[in-house]
PDB file of N, CA and C in Angstrom:
ATOM      1  N   MET A   1      97.300  64.226 142.396  1.00  0.00           N
ATOM      2  CA  MET A   1      98.713  64.503 142.483  1.00  0.00           C
ATOM      3  C   MET A   1      98.953  66.006 142.515  1.00  0.00           C
ATOM      4  N   ALA A   2      98.167  66.762 141.761  1.00  0.00           N
ATOM      5  CA  ALA A   2      98.357  68.213 141.714  1.00  0.00           C
ATOM      6  C   ALA A   2      98.047  68.858 143.054  1.00  0.00           C
ATOM      7  N   ARG A   3      97.121  68.275 143.818  1.00  0.00           N
ATOM      8  CA  ARG A   3      96.792  68.838 145.135  1.00  0.00           C
ATOM      9  C   ARG A   3      97.937  68.646 146.122  1.00  0.00           C
ATOM     10  N   LEU A   4      98.701  67.570 145.963  1.00  0.00           N
ATOM     11  CA  LEU A   4      99.799  67.315 146.886  1.00  0.00           C
ATOM     12  C   LEU A   4     100.974  68.250 146.643  1.00  0.00           C
ATOM     13  N   ILE A   5     101.250  68.508 145.386  1.00  0.00           N
ATOM     14  CA  ILE A   5     102.399  69.348 145.048  1.00  0.00           C
ATOM     15  C   ILE A   5     102.007  70.816 145.090  1.00  0.00           C
ATOM     16  N   GLY A   6     100.950  71.171 144.417  1.00  0.00           N
ATOM     17  CA  GLY A   6     100.475  72.551 144.404  1.00  0.00           C
ATOM     18  C   GLY A   6     101.319  73.431 143.505  1.00  0.00           C
ATOM     19  N   PRO A   7     100.701  74.475 142.975  1.00  0.00           N
ATOM     20  CA  PRO A   7     101.448  75.387 142.101  1.00  0.00           C
ATOM     21  C   PRO A   7     102.362  76.295 142.922  1.00  0.00           C
ATOM     22  N   PRO A   8     103.450  76.750 142.319  1.00  0.00           N
ATOM     23  CA  PRO A   8     104.317  77.678 143.052  1.00  0.00           C
ATOM     24  C   PRO A   8     103.600  79.016 143.224  1.00  0.00           C
ATOM     25  N   TRP A   9     103.662  79.554 144.414  1.00  0.00           N
ATOM     26  CA  TRP A   9     102.979  80.806 144.719  1.00  0.00           C
ATOM     27  C   TRP A   9     103.973  81.720 145.418  1.00  0.00           C
ATOM     28  N   PRO A  10     104.437  82.765 144.739  1.00  0.00           N
ATOM     29  CA  PRO A  10     105.483  83.603 145.318  1.00  0.00           C
ATOM     30  C   PRO A  10     104.980  84.547 146.414  1.00  0.00           C
ATOM     31  N   LEU A  11     103.668  84.771 146.483  1.00  0.00           N
ATOM     32  CA  LEU A  11     103.134  85.687 147.485  1.00  0.00           C
ATOM     33  C   LEU A  11     102.753  84.933 148.755  1.00  0.00           C
ATOM     34  N   PRO A  12     102.832  85.572 149.899  1.00  0.00           N
ATOM     35  CA  PRO A  12     102.409  84.896 151.128  1.00  0.00           C
ATOM     36  C   PRO A  12     100.905  84.641 151.106  1.00  0.00           C
ATOM     37  N   HIS A  13     100.492  83.537 151.684  1.00  0.00           N
ATOM     38  CA  HIS A  13      99.076  83.197 151.713  1.00  0.00           C
ATOM     39  C   HIS A  13      98.737  82.492 153.021  1.00  0.00           C
ATOM     40  N   LEU A  14      97.471  82.412 153.308  1.00  0.00           N
ATOM     41  CA  LEU A  14      96.998  81.777 154.529  1.00  0.00           C
ATOM     42  C   LEU A  14      96.817  80.282 154.306  1.00  0.00           C
ATOM     43  N   ASP A  15      96.832  79.549 155.398  1.00  0.00           N
ATOM     44  CA  ASP A  15      96.570  78.117 155.356  1.00  0.00           C
ATOM     45  C   ASP A  15      95.130  77.882 154.883  1.00  0.00           C
ATOM     46  N   GLU A  16      94.850  76.721 154.299  1.00  0.00           N
ATOM     47  CA  GLU A  16      93.514  76.443 153.771  1.00  0.00           C
ATOM     48  C   GLU A  16      92.448  76.522 154.849  1.00  0.00           C
ATOM     49  N   ARG A  17      92.745  76.031 156.031  1.00  0.00           N
ATOM     50  CA  ARG A  17      91.749  76.048 157.109  1.00  0.00           C
ATOM     51  C   ARG A  17      91.432  77.475 157.546  1.00  0.00           C
ATOM     52  N   VAL A  18      92.423  78.325 157.579  1.00  0.00           N
ATOM     53  CA  VAL A  18      92.206  79.722 157.947  1.00  0.00           C
ATOM     54  C   VAL A  18      91.391  80.422 156.860  1.00  0.00           C
ATOM     55  N   GLN A  19      91.688  80.116 155.604  1.00  0.00           N
ATOM     56  CA  GLN A  19      90.919  80.696 154.508  1.00  0.00           C
ATOM     57  C   GLN A  19      89.453  80.289 154.575  1.00  0.00           C
ATOM     58  N   LEU A  20      89.188  79.004 154.859  1.00  0.00           N
ATOM     59  CA  LEU A  20      87.805  78.549 154.982  1.00  0.00           C
ATOM     60  C   LEU A  20      87.092  79.236 156.134  1.00  0.00           C
ATOM     61  N   PHE A  21      87.791  79.445 157.241  1.00  0.00           N
ATOM     62  CA  PHE A  21      87.219  80.146 158.391  1.00  0.00           C
ATOM     63  C   PHE A  21      86.841  81.571 158.016  1.00  0.00           C
ATOM     64  N   ILE A  22      87.737  82.264 157.331  1.00  0.00           N
ATOM     65  CA  ILE A  22      87.479  83.648 156.925  1.00  0.00           C
ATOM     66  C   ILE A  22      86.340  83.715 155.908  1.00  0.00           C
ATOM     67  N   TRP A  23      86.337  82.827 154.927  1.00  0.00           N
ATOM     68  CA  TRP A  23      85.269  82.833 153.920  1.00  0.00           C
ATOM     69  C   TRP A  23      83.918  82.507 154.534  1.00  0.00           C
ATOM     70  N   PHE A  24      83.882  81.584 155.495  1.00  0.00           N
ATOM     71  CA  PHE A  24      82.634  81.192 156.137  1.00  0.00           C
ATOM     72  C   PHE A  24      81.986  82.389 156.835  1.00  0.00           C
ATOM     73  N   PHE A  25      82.741  83.053 157.700  1.00  0.00           N
ATOM     74  CA  PHE A  25      82.173  84.179 158.435  1.00  0.00           C
ATOM     75  C   PHE A  25      82.012  85.414 157.550  1.00  0.00           C
ATOM     76  N   GLY A  26      82.849  85.547 156.534  1.00  0.00           N
ATOM     77  CA  GLY A  26      82.679  86.640 155.578  1.00  0.00           C
ATOM     78  C   GLY A  26      81.382  86.490 154.791  1.00  0.00           C
ATOM     79  N   LEU A  27      81.034  85.260 154.431  1.00  0.00           N
ATOM     80  CA  LEU A  27      79.785  84.993 153.727  1.00  0.00           C
ATOM     81  C   LEU A  27      78.579  85.349 154.589  1.00  0.00           C
ATOM     82  N   LEU A  28      78.608  84.930 155.855  1.00  0.00           N
ATOM     83  CA  LEU A  28      77.515  85.256 156.768  1.00  0.00           C
ATOM     84  C   LEU A  28      77.386  86.763 156.956  1.00  0.00           C
ATOM     85  N   ALA A  29      78.513  87.421 157.189  1.00  0.00           N
ATOM     86  CA  ALA A  29      78.492  88.866 157.442  1.00  0.00           C
ATOM     87  C   ALA A  29      78.011  89.640 156.218  1.00  0.00           C
ATOM     88  N   SER A  30      78.458  89.251 155.037  1.00  0.00           N
ATOM     89  CA  SER A  30      78.049  89.993 153.840  1.00  0.00           C
ATOM     90  C   SER A  30      76.565  89.803 153.539  1.00  0.00           C
ATOM     91  N   ALA A  31      76.023  88.613 153.771  1.00  0.00           N
ATOM     92  CA  ALA A  31      74.602  88.379 153.525  1.00  0.00           C
ATOM     93  C   ALA A  31      73.747  89.229 154.468  1.00  0.00           C
ATOM     94  N   VAL A  32      74.106  89.257 155.736  1.00  0.00           N
ATOM     95  CA  VAL A  32      73.362  90.056 156.712  1.00  0.00           C
ATOM     96  C   VAL A  32      73.535  91.550 156.418  1.00  0.00           C
ATOM     97  N   PHE A  33      74.722  91.955 156.016  1.00  0.00           N
ATOM     98  CA  PHE A  33      74.991  93.361 155.723  1.00  0.00           C
ATOM     99  C   PHE A  33      74.140  93.865 154.557  1.00  0.00           C
ATOM    100  N   VAL A  34      74.047  93.085 153.482  1.00  0.00           N
ATOM    101  CA  VAL A  34      73.285  93.513 152.311  1.00  0.00           C
ATOM    102  C   VAL A  34      71.795  93.627 152.650  1.00  0.00           C
ATOM    103  N   VAL A  35      71.272  92.684 153.422  1.00  0.00           N
ATOM    104  CA  VAL A  35      69.869  92.770 153.824  1.00  0.00           C
ATOM    105  C   VAL A  35      69.652  93.990 154.719  1.00  0.00           C
ATOM    106  N   GLY A  36      70.573  94.245 155.636  1.00  0.00           N
ATOM    107  CA  GLY A  36      70.455  95.409 156.514  1.00  0.00           C
ATOM    108  C   GLY A  36      70.484  96.727 155.757  1.00  0.00           C
ATOM    109  N   VAL A  37      71.395  96.841 154.814  1.00  0.00           N
ATOM    110  CA  VAL A  37      71.475  98.070 154.016  1.00  0.00           C
ATOM    111  C   VAL A  37      70.221  98.220 153.157  1.00  0.00           C
ATOM    112  N   GLY A  38      69.758  97.139 152.563  1.00  0.00           N
ATOM    113  CA  GLY A  38      68.551  97.200 151.747  1.00  0.00           C
ATOM    114  C   GLY A  38      67.336  97.606 152.566  1.00  0.00           C
ATOM    115  N   ALA A  39      67.201  97.055 153.771  1.00  0.00           N
ATOM    116  CA  ALA A  39      66.067  97.407 154.632  1.00  0.00           C
ATOM    117  C   ALA A  39      66.141  98.874 155.048  1.00  0.00           C
ATOM    118  N   THR A  40      67.346  99.346 155.350  1.00  0.00           N
ATOM    119  CA  THR A  40      67.506 100.753 155.737  1.00  0.00           C
ATOM    120  C   THR A  40      67.148 101.669 154.583  1.00  0.00           C
ATOM    121  N   ARG A  41      67.580 101.339 153.389  1.00  0.00           N
ATOM    122  CA  ARG A  41      67.285 102.175 152.219  1.00  0.00           C
ATOM    123  C   ARG A  41      65.787 102.197 151.889  1.00  0.00           C
ATOM    124  N   VAL A  42      65.123 101.053 152.053  1.00  0.00           N
ATOM    125  CA  VAL A  42      63.684 101.004 151.786  1.00  0.00           C
ATOM    126  C   VAL A  42      62.932 101.839 152.814  1.00  0.00           C
ATOM    127  N   ARG A  43      63.366 101.823 154.071  1.00  0.00           N
ATOM    128  CA  ARG A  43      62.717 102.646 155.092  1.00  0.00           C
ATOM    129  C   ARG A  43      62.862 104.132 154.796  1.00  0.00           C
ATOM    130  N   ARG A  44      64.009 104.520 154.275  1.00  0.00           N
ATOM    131  CA  ARG A  44      64.244 105.930 153.964  1.00  0.00           C
ATOM    132  C   ARG A  44      63.415 106.396 152.767  1.00  0.00           C
ATOM    133  N   ASP A  45      63.349 105.567 151.733  1.00  0.00           N
ATOM    134  CA  ASP A  45      62.636 105.951 150.518  1.00  0.00           C
ATOM    135  C   ASP A  45      61.875 104.746 149.990  1.00  0.00           C
ATOM    136  N   ARG A  46      60.607 104.653 150.328  1.00  0.00           N
ATOM    137  CA  ARG A  46      59.799 103.484 149.952  1.00  0.00           C
ATOM    138  C   ARG A  46      59.532 103.396 148.450  1.00  0.00           C
ATOM    139  N   SER A  47      59.665 104.489 147.735  1.00  0.00           N
ATOM    140  CA  SER A  47      59.377 104.463 146.298  1.00  0.00           C
ATOM    141  C   SER A  47      60.614 104.164 145.444  1.00  0.00           C
ATOM    142  N   SER A  48      61.776 104.014 146.057  1.00  0.00           N
ATOM    143  CA  SER A  48      63.012 103.787 145.311  1.00  0.00           C
ATOM    144  C   SER A  48      63.093 102.347 144.799  1.00  0.00           C
ATOM    145  N   ALA A  49      63.219 102.218 143.495  1.00  0.00           N
ATOM    146  CA  ALA A  49      63.351 100.885 142.895  1.00  0.00           C
ATOM    147  C   ALA A  49      64.712 100.274 143.219  1.00  0.00           C
ATOM    148  N   ARG A  50      65.742 101.107 143.310  1.00  0.00           N
ATOM    149  CA  ARG A  50      67.082 100.596 143.631  1.00  0.00           C
ATOM    150  C   ARG A  50      67.123 100.011 145.033  1.00  0.00           C
ATOM    151  N   ALA A  51      66.446 100.678 145.977  1.00  0.00           N
ATOM    152  CA  ALA A  51      66.427 100.178 147.356  1.00  0.00           C
ATOM    153  C   ALA A  51      65.680  98.853 147.434  1.00  0.00           C
ATOM    154  N   ARG A  52      64.558  98.774 146.750  1.00  0.00           N
ATOM    155  CA  ARG A  52      63.787  97.521 146.751  1.00  0.00           C
ATOM    156  C   ARG A  52      64.563  96.391 146.071  1.00  0.00           C
ATOM    157  N   THR A  53      65.288  96.722 145.008  1.00  0.00           N
ATOM    158  CA  THR A  53      66.099  95.717 144.325  1.00  0.00           C
ATOM    159  C   THR A  53      67.210  95.210 145.235  1.00  0.00           C
ATOM    160  N   LEU A  54      67.852  96.133 145.949  1.00  0.00           N
ATOM    161  CA  LEU A  54      68.912  95.734 146.873  1.00  0.00           C
ATOM    162  C   LEU A  54      68.365  94.837 147.973  1.00  0.00           C
ATOM    163  N   LEU A  55      67.203  95.185 148.505  1.00  0.00           N
ATOM    164  CA  LEU A  55      66.593  94.363 149.545  1.00  0.00           C
ATOM    165  C   LEU A  55      66.215  92.986 149.005  1.00  0.00           C
ATOM    166  N   CYS A  56      65.649  92.939 147.814  1.00  0.00           N
ATOM    167  CA  CYS A  56      65.266  91.651 147.215  1.00  0.00           C
ATOM    168  C   CYS A  56      66.472  90.761 146.937  1.00  0.00           C
ATOM    169  N   VAL A  57      67.524  91.361 146.410  1.00  0.00           N
ATOM    170  CA  VAL A  57      68.742  90.580 146.137  1.00  0.00           C
ATOM    171  C   VAL A  57      69.373  90.102 147.449  1.00  0.00           C
ATOM    172  N   GLY A  58      69.349  90.945 148.464  1.00  0.00           N
ATOM    173  CA  GLY A  58      69.864  90.545 149.767  1.00  0.00           C
ATOM    174  C   GLY A  58      69.070  89.401 150.372  1.00  0.00           C
ATOM    175  N   LEU A  59      67.751  89.467 150.249  1.00  0.00           N
ATOM    176  CA  LEU A  59      66.912  88.378 150.759  1.00  0.00           C
ATOM    177  C   LEU A  59      67.119  87.094 149.965  1.00  0.00           C
ATOM    178  N   LEU A  60      67.339  87.226 148.668  1.00  0.00           N
ATOM    179  CA  LEU A  60      67.649  86.048 147.853  1.00  0.00           C
ATOM    180  C   LEU A  60      68.961  85.416 148.316  1.00  0.00           C
ATOM    181  N   GLY A  61      69.970  86.258 148.537  1.00  0.00           N
ATOM    182  CA  GLY A  61      71.242  85.740 149.028  1.00  0.00           C
ATOM    183  C   GLY A  61      71.117  85.088 150.396  1.00  0.00           C
ATOM    184  N   LEU A  62      70.292  85.677 151.253  1.00  0.00           N
ATOM    185  CA  LEU A  62      70.058  85.100 152.575  1.00  0.00           C
ATOM    186  C   LEU A  62      69.327  83.762 152.450  1.00  0.00           C
ATOM    187  N   GLY A  63      68.421  83.662 151.478  1.00  0.00           N
ATOM    188  CA  GLY A  63      67.718  82.407 151.248  1.00  0.00           C
ATOM    189  C   GLY A  63      68.615  81.315 150.689  1.00  0.00           C
ATOM    190  N   LEU A  64      69.624  81.705 149.936  1.00  0.00           N
ATOM    191  CA  LEU A  64      70.570  80.729 149.379  1.00  0.00           C
ATOM    192  C   LEU A  64      71.680  80.362 150.357  1.00  0.00           C
ATOM    193  N   LEU A  65      71.745  81.060 151.456  1.00  0.00           N
ATOM    194  CA  LEU A  65      72.811  80.837 152.432  1.00  0.00           C
ATOM    195  C   LEU A  65      72.866  79.401 152.961  1.00  0.00           C
ATOM    196  N   PRO A  66      71.736  78.751 153.274  1.00  0.00           N
ATOM    197  CA  PRO A  66      71.826  77.356 153.728  1.00  0.00           C
ATOM    198  C   PRO A  66      72.495  76.432 152.719  1.00  0.00           C
ATOM    199  N   GLN A  67      72.275  76.680 151.428  1.00  0.00           N
ATOM    200  CA  GLN A  67      72.943  75.873 150.403  1.00  0.00           C
ATOM    201  C   GLN A  67      74.458  76.049 150.482  1.00  0.00           C
ATOM    202  N   ALA A  68      74.896  77.269 150.682  1.00  0.00           N
ATOM    203  CA  ALA A  68      76.330  77.538 150.753  1.00  0.00           C
ATOM    204  C   ALA A  68      76.939  76.922 152.009  1.00  0.00           C
ATOM    205  N   LEU A  69      76.191  76.905 153.091  1.00  0.00           N
ATOM    206  CA  LEU A  69      76.717  76.364 154.343  1.00  0.00           C
ATOM    207  C   LEU A  69      76.761  74.849 154.343  1.00  0.00           C
ATOM    208  N   GLN A  70      76.016  74.202 153.465  1.00  0.00           N
ATOM    209  CA  GLN A  70      76.012  72.741 153.399  1.00  0.00           C
ATOM    210  C   GLN A  70      77.083  72.183 152.481  1.00  0.00           C
ATOM    211  N   ARG A  71      77.857  73.048 151.871  1.00  0.00           N
ATOM    212  CA  ARG A  71      78.915  72.586 150.973  1.00  0.00           C
ATOM    213  C   ARG A  71      79.914  71.743 151.750  1.00  0.00           C
ATOM    214  N   ARG A  72      80.425  70.735 151.113  1.00  0.00           N
ATOM    215  CA  ARG A  72      81.402  69.858 151.734  1.00  0.00           C
ATOM    216  C   ARG A  72      82.727  70.605 151.887  1.00  0.00           C
ATOM    217  N   ILE A  73      83.331  70.480 153.063  1.00  0.00           N
ATOM    218  CA  ILE A  73      84.610  71.136 153.317  1.00  0.00           C
ATOM    219  C   ILE A  73      85.706  70.309 152.653  1.00  0.00           C
ATOM    220  N   PRO A  74      86.524  70.935 151.811  1.00  0.00           N
ATOM    221  CA  PRO A  74      87.591  70.173 151.144  1.00  0.00           C
ATOM    222  C   PRO A  74      88.638  69.693 152.134  1.00  0.00           C
ATOM    223  N   ARG A  75      89.191  68.559 151.847  1.00  0.00           N
ATOM    224  CA  ARG A  75      90.231  67.993 152.704  1.00  0.00           C
ATOM    225  C   ARG A  75      91.533  68.711 152.439  1.00  0.00           C
ATOM    226  N   THR A  76      92.301  68.921 153.469  1.00  0.00           N
ATOM    227  CA  THR A  76      93.603  69.549 153.316  1.00  0.00           C
ATOM    228  C   THR A  76      94.697  68.497 153.327  1.00  0.00           C
ATOM    229  N   SER A  77      95.851  68.860 152.889  1.00  0.00           N
ATOM    230  CA  SER A  77      96.965  67.913 152.853  1.00  0.00           C
ATOM    231  C   SER A  77      97.471  67.602 154.255  1.00  0.00           C
ATOM    232  N   ALA A  78      97.116  68.439 155.244  1.00  0.00           N
ATOM    233  CA  ALA A  78      97.571  68.229 156.615  1.00  0.00           C
ATOM    234  C   ALA A  78      96.792  67.129 157.320  1.00  0.00           C
ATOM    235  N   GLY A  79      95.653  66.747 156.789  1.00  0.00           N
ATOM    236  CA  GLY A  79      94.945  65.666 157.468  1.00  0.00           C
ATOM    237  C   GLY A  79      93.530  65.778 157.290  1.00  0.00           C
TER     238      GLY A  79
END
């Protein structure tokens, strides 16, 4: 019942489908971006622990990406 009525929201917001579209491609872009930045930093300074940590965390996020993409898409009130 709460999904049908929804809480009052005084600020403008996007439709649920548009939000899912933005989050989907934002997730892909951020995962690739973090791996790219980590790889660039490691190439510049191979002895940097921060660069290696960033690359490792980026690769972990990239490895978890299939799990995020398999999430069930919530149904909207429009259909």
